[in-house]
N, C-alpha and C. Protein backbone atom coordinates (compact mmCIF):
# COMPACT_ATOMS: atom_id res chain seq x y z
N MET A 1 -8.57 51.38 -113.95
CA MET A 1 -7.70 51.74 -112.85
C MET A 1 -6.25 51.63 -113.29
N GLU A 2 -5.44 52.31 -112.59
CA GLU A 2 -4.02 52.27 -112.90
C GLU A 2 -3.42 50.96 -112.44
N PRO A 3 -2.54 50.39 -113.20
CA PRO A 3 -1.90 49.14 -112.79
C PRO A 3 -0.98 49.33 -111.58
N ILE A 4 -0.40 50.51 -111.43
CA ILE A 4 0.51 50.72 -110.29
C ILE A 4 -0.28 50.78 -108.99
N SER A 5 -1.43 51.44 -108.96
CA SER A 5 -2.23 51.51 -107.73
C SER A 5 -2.78 50.13 -107.38
N LEU A 6 -3.12 49.32 -108.39
CA LEU A 6 -3.56 47.95 -108.10
C LEU A 6 -2.42 47.12 -107.53
N LEU A 7 -1.22 47.32 -108.06
CA LEU A 7 -0.06 46.60 -107.56
C LEU A 7 0.26 47.01 -106.12
N VAL A 8 0.22 48.31 -105.82
CA VAL A 8 0.48 48.80 -104.46
C VAL A 8 -0.58 48.26 -103.50
N GLY A 9 -1.84 48.26 -103.91
CA GLY A 9 -2.90 47.72 -103.05
C GLY A 9 -2.71 46.24 -102.78
N GLY A 10 -2.32 45.48 -103.81
CA GLY A 10 -2.07 44.05 -103.63
C GLY A 10 -0.91 43.78 -102.69
N VAL A 11 0.16 44.58 -102.83
CA VAL A 11 1.31 44.42 -101.94
C VAL A 11 0.93 44.75 -100.50
N LEU A 12 0.17 45.81 -100.31
CA LEU A 12 -0.28 46.15 -98.95
C LEU A 12 -1.17 45.07 -98.35
N LEU A 13 -2.04 44.51 -99.16
CA LEU A 13 -2.90 43.43 -98.69
C LEU A 13 -2.08 42.20 -98.31
N ALA A 14 -1.11 41.84 -99.14
CA ALA A 14 -0.26 40.68 -98.86
C ALA A 14 0.60 40.94 -97.63
N ALA A 15 1.14 42.14 -97.48
CA ALA A 15 1.97 42.46 -96.31
C ALA A 15 1.13 42.40 -95.03
N GLY A 16 -0.09 42.87 -95.07
CA GLY A 16 -0.96 42.79 -93.91
C GLY A 16 -1.32 41.37 -93.55
N PHE A 17 -1.57 40.54 -94.57
CA PHE A 17 -1.88 39.13 -94.33
C PHE A 17 -0.70 38.41 -93.69
N VAL A 18 0.51 38.63 -94.24
CA VAL A 18 1.71 37.97 -93.70
C VAL A 18 2.00 38.47 -92.29
N ALA A 19 1.86 39.77 -92.06
CA ALA A 19 2.11 40.30 -90.72
C ALA A 19 1.11 39.75 -89.72
N GLY A 20 -0.13 39.57 -90.14
CA GLY A 20 -1.13 38.99 -89.24
C GLY A 20 -0.85 37.54 -88.92
N ARG A 21 -0.35 36.79 -89.91
CA ARG A 21 -0.02 35.38 -89.68
C ARG A 21 1.20 35.21 -88.78
N LEU A 22 2.21 36.03 -89.02
CA LEU A 22 3.44 35.90 -88.24
C LEU A 22 3.32 36.50 -86.85
N GLY A 23 2.50 37.52 -86.69
CA GLY A 23 2.38 38.19 -85.41
C GLY A 23 1.35 37.58 -84.49
N ARG A 24 0.70 36.54 -84.94
CA ARG A 24 -0.33 35.92 -84.12
C ARG A 24 0.29 35.16 -82.96
N ARG A 25 -0.24 35.38 -81.78
CA ARG A 25 0.23 34.67 -80.60
C ARG A 25 -0.78 33.60 -80.24
N PRO A 26 -0.30 32.47 -79.73
CA PRO A 26 -1.28 31.47 -79.27
C PRO A 26 -2.00 31.99 -78.04
N PRO A 27 -3.25 31.61 -77.86
CA PRO A 27 -3.98 32.10 -76.68
C PRO A 27 -3.35 31.54 -75.41
N PRO A 28 -3.33 32.32 -74.34
CA PRO A 28 -2.74 31.83 -73.10
C PRO A 28 -3.59 30.71 -72.52
N PRO A 29 -2.95 29.77 -71.84
CA PRO A 29 -3.73 28.68 -71.24
C PRO A 29 -4.64 29.24 -70.15
N PRO A 30 -5.80 28.63 -69.98
CA PRO A 30 -6.70 29.12 -68.93
C PRO A 30 -6.09 28.90 -67.55
N PRO A 31 -6.38 29.76 -66.60
CA PRO A 31 -5.83 29.58 -65.26
C PRO A 31 -6.44 28.33 -64.62
N PRO A 32 -5.66 27.65 -63.79
CA PRO A 32 -6.21 26.46 -63.14
C PRO A 32 -7.37 26.85 -62.23
N MET A 33 -8.44 26.09 -62.32
CA MET A 33 -9.62 26.40 -61.53
C MET A 33 -9.61 25.59 -60.25
N THR A 34 -9.70 26.27 -59.14
CA THR A 34 -9.80 25.62 -57.85
C THR A 34 -11.20 25.90 -57.31
N PRO A 35 -11.99 24.85 -57.10
CA PRO A 35 -13.32 25.11 -56.56
C PRO A 35 -13.21 25.63 -55.13
N LEU A 36 -13.81 26.79 -54.90
CA LEU A 36 -13.74 27.43 -53.60
C LEU A 36 -15.13 27.63 -53.03
N CYS A 37 -15.19 27.63 -51.72
CA CYS A 37 -16.42 27.92 -50.99
C CYS A 37 -16.57 29.43 -50.90
N GLY A 38 -17.67 29.87 -50.36
CA GLY A 38 -17.88 31.30 -50.17
C GLY A 38 -16.90 31.91 -49.21
N CYS A 39 -16.32 31.12 -48.32
CA CYS A 39 -15.35 31.64 -47.38
C CYS A 39 -13.96 31.75 -47.99
N GLY A 40 -13.78 31.23 -49.20
CA GLY A 40 -12.49 31.30 -49.87
C GLY A 40 -11.62 30.08 -49.67
N HIS A 41 -12.12 29.05 -49.03
CA HIS A 41 -11.35 27.84 -48.81
C HIS A 41 -11.86 26.72 -49.71
N ALA A 42 -10.98 25.78 -50.01
CA ALA A 42 -11.31 24.66 -50.89
C ALA A 42 -12.08 23.59 -50.12
N LEU A 43 -12.56 22.60 -50.86
CA LEU A 43 -13.30 21.49 -50.25
C LEU A 43 -12.43 20.72 -49.27
N SER A 44 -11.12 20.68 -49.52
CA SER A 44 -10.21 19.95 -48.63
C SER A 44 -10.11 20.59 -47.24
N GLN A 45 -10.51 21.84 -47.09
CA GLN A 45 -10.48 22.51 -45.80
C GLN A 45 -11.76 22.31 -45.00
N HIS A 46 -12.72 21.60 -45.55
CA HIS A 46 -14.00 21.39 -44.87
C HIS A 46 -14.14 19.93 -44.45
N ASP A 47 -14.75 19.74 -43.31
CA ASP A 47 -14.98 18.39 -42.80
C ASP A 47 -16.05 17.72 -43.64
N ARG A 48 -15.84 16.46 -43.99
CA ARG A 48 -16.78 15.74 -44.87
C ARG A 48 -18.13 15.49 -44.20
N GLU A 49 -18.13 15.18 -42.92
CA GLU A 49 -19.39 14.84 -42.26
C GLU A 49 -20.20 16.07 -41.88
N THR A 50 -19.55 17.04 -41.28
CA THR A 50 -20.30 18.20 -40.78
C THR A 50 -20.28 19.38 -41.74
N SER A 51 -19.43 19.36 -42.76
CA SER A 51 -19.27 20.43 -43.75
C SER A 51 -18.77 21.74 -43.16
N THR A 52 -18.31 21.73 -41.90
CA THR A 52 -17.78 22.95 -41.31
C THR A 52 -16.33 23.13 -41.74
N CYS A 53 -15.90 24.36 -41.77
CA CYS A 53 -14.54 24.70 -42.20
C CYS A 53 -13.62 24.66 -40.99
N TYR A 54 -12.48 23.99 -41.13
CA TYR A 54 -11.54 23.94 -40.03
C TYR A 54 -10.27 24.74 -40.34
N ALA A 55 -10.32 25.61 -41.33
CA ALA A 55 -9.18 26.47 -41.63
C ALA A 55 -9.13 27.63 -40.65
N GLU A 56 -8.01 28.31 -40.62
CA GLU A 56 -7.85 29.45 -39.74
C GLU A 56 -7.58 30.69 -40.58
N LEU A 57 -8.05 31.83 -40.10
CA LEU A 57 -7.87 33.10 -40.78
C LEU A 57 -6.94 33.99 -39.98
N ARG A 58 -6.12 34.77 -40.66
CA ARG A 58 -5.21 35.68 -39.99
C ARG A 58 -5.90 37.03 -39.82
N ARG A 59 -6.04 37.47 -38.59
CA ARG A 59 -6.69 38.74 -38.28
C ARG A 59 -5.68 39.68 -37.61
N ASP A 60 -5.86 40.96 -37.85
CA ASP A 60 -5.03 41.95 -37.17
C ASP A 60 -5.50 42.11 -35.73
N THR A 61 -4.57 42.28 -34.83
CA THR A 61 -4.92 42.53 -33.44
C THR A 61 -4.41 43.92 -33.06
N PHE A 62 -5.14 44.56 -32.16
CA PHE A 62 -4.81 45.91 -31.71
C PHE A 62 -4.78 45.93 -30.20
N ASP A 63 -3.96 46.81 -29.66
CA ASP A 63 -3.90 46.92 -28.20
C ASP A 63 -4.99 47.87 -27.70
N ARG A 64 -4.95 48.21 -26.42
CA ARG A 64 -6.01 49.04 -25.83
C ARG A 64 -6.04 50.45 -26.41
N ARG A 65 -4.91 50.93 -26.85
CA ARG A 65 -4.85 52.28 -27.41
C ARG A 65 -5.22 52.31 -28.90
N GLY A 66 -5.48 51.19 -29.48
CA GLY A 66 -5.87 51.13 -30.87
C GLY A 66 -4.71 50.98 -31.83
N ARG A 67 -3.51 50.69 -31.31
CA ARG A 67 -2.35 50.50 -32.16
C ARG A 67 -2.27 49.05 -32.61
N TRP A 68 -1.78 48.87 -33.81
CA TRP A 68 -1.64 47.51 -34.34
C TRP A 68 -0.58 46.77 -33.57
N SER A 69 -0.90 45.54 -33.12
CA SER A 69 0.06 44.80 -32.31
C SER A 69 0.40 43.44 -32.89
N GLY A 70 -0.02 43.16 -34.10
CA GLY A 70 0.37 41.89 -34.72
C GLY A 70 -0.83 41.17 -35.31
N HIS A 71 -0.64 39.89 -35.49
CA HIS A 71 -1.68 39.05 -36.08
C HIS A 71 -2.09 37.97 -35.08
N SER A 72 -3.31 37.53 -35.21
CA SER A 72 -3.78 36.37 -34.45
C SER A 72 -4.53 35.47 -35.42
N TRP A 73 -4.53 34.20 -35.13
CA TRP A 73 -5.21 33.22 -35.98
C TRP A 73 -6.53 32.84 -35.32
N VAL A 74 -7.62 33.00 -36.05
CA VAL A 74 -8.94 32.68 -35.54
C VAL A 74 -9.57 31.63 -36.46
N PRO A 75 -10.44 30.77 -35.93
CA PRO A 75 -11.08 29.77 -36.79
C PRO A 75 -12.03 30.42 -37.78
N CYS A 76 -12.17 29.81 -38.94
CA CYS A 76 -13.08 30.30 -39.98
C CYS A 76 -14.52 30.11 -39.50
N THR A 77 -15.37 31.05 -39.81
CA THR A 77 -16.75 31.00 -39.33
C THR A 77 -17.70 30.33 -40.33
N CYS A 78 -17.16 29.74 -41.39
CA CYS A 78 -18.00 29.07 -42.38
C CYS A 78 -18.66 27.84 -41.74
N ARG A 79 -19.96 27.68 -41.93
CA ARG A 79 -20.68 26.58 -41.31
C ARG A 79 -21.01 25.45 -42.28
N GLN A 80 -20.91 25.72 -43.58
CA GLN A 80 -21.24 24.68 -44.55
C GLN A 80 -20.53 24.98 -45.86
N TYR A 81 -20.01 23.94 -46.52
CA TYR A 81 -19.36 24.11 -47.82
C TYR A 81 -20.45 24.32 -48.86
N VAL A 82 -20.36 25.42 -49.60
CA VAL A 82 -21.38 25.74 -50.59
C VAL A 82 -20.80 25.77 -52.00
N GLY A 83 -19.57 25.33 -52.18
CA GLY A 83 -18.95 25.33 -53.50
C GLY A 83 -19.41 24.13 -54.32
N PRO A 84 -18.79 23.94 -55.48
CA PRO A 84 -19.17 22.81 -56.34
C PRO A 84 -18.80 21.49 -55.70
N ARG A 85 -19.67 20.52 -55.86
CA ARG A 85 -19.46 19.19 -55.29
C ARG A 85 -18.73 18.30 -56.28
N PRO A 86 -17.88 17.39 -55.80
CA PRO A 86 -17.28 16.41 -56.70
C PRO A 86 -18.36 15.53 -57.32
N ILE A 87 -18.13 15.10 -58.54
CA ILE A 87 -19.15 14.37 -59.29
C ILE A 87 -19.48 13.03 -58.65
N ASP A 88 -18.52 12.41 -57.96
CA ASP A 88 -18.82 11.11 -57.35
C ASP A 88 -19.77 11.26 -56.17
N GLU A 89 -19.79 12.40 -55.50
CA GLU A 89 -20.72 12.60 -54.39
C GLU A 89 -22.12 12.94 -54.87
N VAL A 90 -22.24 13.39 -56.09
CA VAL A 90 -23.56 13.74 -56.62
C VAL A 90 -24.35 12.49 -56.97
N PHE A 91 -23.70 11.51 -57.60
CA PHE A 91 -24.40 10.33 -58.09
C PHE A 91 -24.44 9.17 -57.12
N ALA A 92 -23.43 9.03 -56.27
CA ALA A 92 -23.41 7.88 -55.36
C ALA A 92 -22.83 8.33 -54.02
N PRO A 93 -23.42 7.89 -52.91
CA PRO A 93 -22.84 8.23 -51.61
C PRO A 93 -21.56 7.45 -51.39
N ARG A 94 -20.76 7.91 -50.47
CA ARG A 94 -19.50 7.22 -50.17
C ARG A 94 -19.82 5.88 -49.50
N LEU A 95 -19.08 4.85 -49.93
CA LEU A 95 -19.29 3.50 -49.39
C LEU A 95 -18.28 3.14 -48.32
N LEU A 96 -17.07 3.65 -48.43
CA LEU A 96 -16.02 3.32 -47.48
C LEU A 96 -15.61 4.57 -46.74
N PRO A 97 -15.30 4.55 -45.53
CA PRO A 97 -15.42 3.47 -44.58
C PRO A 97 -16.88 3.28 -44.16
N PRO A 98 -17.23 2.09 -43.74
CA PRO A 98 -18.63 1.87 -43.36
C PRO A 98 -18.99 2.68 -42.12
N SER A 99 -20.19 3.20 -42.11
CA SER A 99 -20.63 3.99 -40.98
C SER A 99 -21.11 3.06 -39.87
N ILE A 100 -20.84 3.45 -38.65
CA ILE A 100 -21.25 2.65 -37.49
C ILE A 100 -22.53 3.28 -36.96
N ASP A 101 -23.59 2.53 -36.95
CA ASP A 101 -24.88 3.03 -36.46
C ASP A 101 -25.18 2.56 -35.08
């Protein structure tokens, strides 16, 4: 082989290696994960004893003629939290406050 073509190939290989090293970006951090229920609300929006959701949803309201007249807040219809459970609730029940029987 010709020495000049080997030299050109080596230079191209080295330039590609250097460009790949310098142009590398660190991977973006993963987005923060918020455990959500099927209704879209977090565990903090659900009652611990009954597991019902006490958040409110914004709904559009319309007048008699069908025209948009604003927003109204209605309670969430979620009846039970179905998202991931905290690890302390999986292995041991809550001890405090004591339940009154």
